[in-house]
Protein backbone atom coordinates (compact mmCIF):
# COMPACT_ATOMS: atom_id res chain seq x y z
CA MET A 1 -11.01 10.21 5.33
CA LYS A 2 -11.18 13.69 3.88
CA ASP A 3 -14.16 12.79 1.67
CA GLU A 4 -15.96 11.34 4.69
CA GLY A 5 -15.27 14.44 6.78
CA ASP A 6 -13.09 12.50 9.24
CA PHE A 7 -9.88 14.28 8.27
CA TYR A 8 -8.93 17.33 10.28
CA ASP A 9 -5.77 19.30 9.74
CA SER A 10 -4.83 21.77 12.46
CA HIS A 11 -1.86 23.98 11.78
CA ASN A 12 -1.94 24.82 15.48
CA ALA A 13 -1.38 21.22 16.63
CA PRO A 14 1.41 20.79 19.19
CA ASP A 15 4.74 19.36 18.08
CA GLY A 16 5.32 15.70 18.79
CA PRO A 17 8.16 14.39 20.97
CA GLU A 18 11.74 14.52 19.71
CA LEU A 19 12.75 11.08 18.48
CA GLY A 20 16.43 11.34 19.35
CA PRO A 21 19.48 9.49 17.98
CA ASP A 22 18.52 6.08 19.42
CA PHE A 23 15.37 6.07 17.31
CA TRP A 24 17.35 6.78 14.14
CA ALA A 25 20.36 4.52 14.91
CA ASN A 26 19.17 1.62 12.74
CA ALA A 27 17.25 3.61 10.15
CA VAL A 28 17.90 2.76 6.51
CA TRP A 29 16.95 4.62 3.37
CA VAL A 30 14.46 2.73 1.22
CA GLU A 31 14.44 3.93 -2.35
CA PRO A 32 10.87 4.58 -3.49
CA GLN A 33 9.74 2.23 -6.21
CA GLY A 34 7.57 3.39 -9.07
CA THR A 35 4.62 1.57 -10.48
CA THR A 36 3.77 0.44 -13.97
CA SER A 37 0.36 1.21 -15.39
CA VAL A 38 -1.14 -1.68 -17.37
CA HIS A 39 -4.43 -2.65 -18.94
CA LEU A 40 -5.52 -5.92 -17.36
CA LYS A 41 -8.44 -8.11 -18.35
CA LEU A 42 -9.97 -10.08 -15.48
CA ASP A 43 -12.74 -12.61 -15.32
CA PRO A 44 -15.88 -10.82 -14.11
CA GLU A 45 -16.20 -13.02 -11.03
CA VAL A 46 -12.60 -12.26 -9.99
CA PHE A 47 -13.14 -8.51 -10.23
CA ALA A 48 -16.55 -8.77 -8.53
CA TYR A 49 -15.01 -10.66 -5.61
CA PHE A 50 -12.39 -7.99 -4.89
CA LYS A 51 -14.80 -5.12 -5.58
CA SER A 52 -17.39 -6.61 -3.19
CA GLN A 53 -14.90 -6.17 -0.33
CA GLY A 54 -15.16 -2.40 -0.72
CA LYS A 55 -12.77 0.44 -1.28
CA GLY A 56 -9.17 -0.60 -1.88
CA HIS A 57 -9.95 -3.50 -4.18
CA ILE A 58 -7.16 -2.58 -6.62
CA THR A 59 -4.64 -2.47 -3.76
CA ARG A 60 -5.83 -5.87 -2.52
CA MET A 61 -5.40 -7.34 -6.00
CA GLN A 62 -1.87 -5.89 -6.11
CA GLU A 63 -1.06 -7.47 -2.73
CA VAL A 64 -2.26 -10.88 -3.94
CA LEU A 65 -0.05 -10.59 -7.03
CA LYS A 66 2.94 -9.54 -4.92
CA ALA A 67 2.44 -12.54 -2.62
CA TYR A 68 2.27 -14.85 -5.64
CA VAL A 69 5.52 -13.46 -7.05
CA LYS A 70 7.26 -13.75 -3.69
CA ALA A 71 6.11 -17.35 -3.26
CA HIS A 72 7.30 -18.32 -6.74
CA GLN A 73 10.59 -16.44 -7.02
CA GLY A 74 13.49 -18.77 -7.65
CA HIS A 75 11.27 -21.75 -8.57
CA GLY A 76 12.59 -22.47 -12.05
CA LYS A 77 11.17 -21.08 -15.26
């Protein structure tokens, strides 16, 4: 958004509403997970497909891989 000029940061913006204890009653801490950087070779048509959908193609590929792992966890080796 910043690169497109749609991002505006006002240090004078009003404070938001207080969330109160009811909002936080069921909150849980989620430990941030790191990522692993890898070199990955893809068929050109696979990369072209994701890239043709625009910005965020790497994230979309990651989501497809996550869904695959989730669907196959616990299904033998």
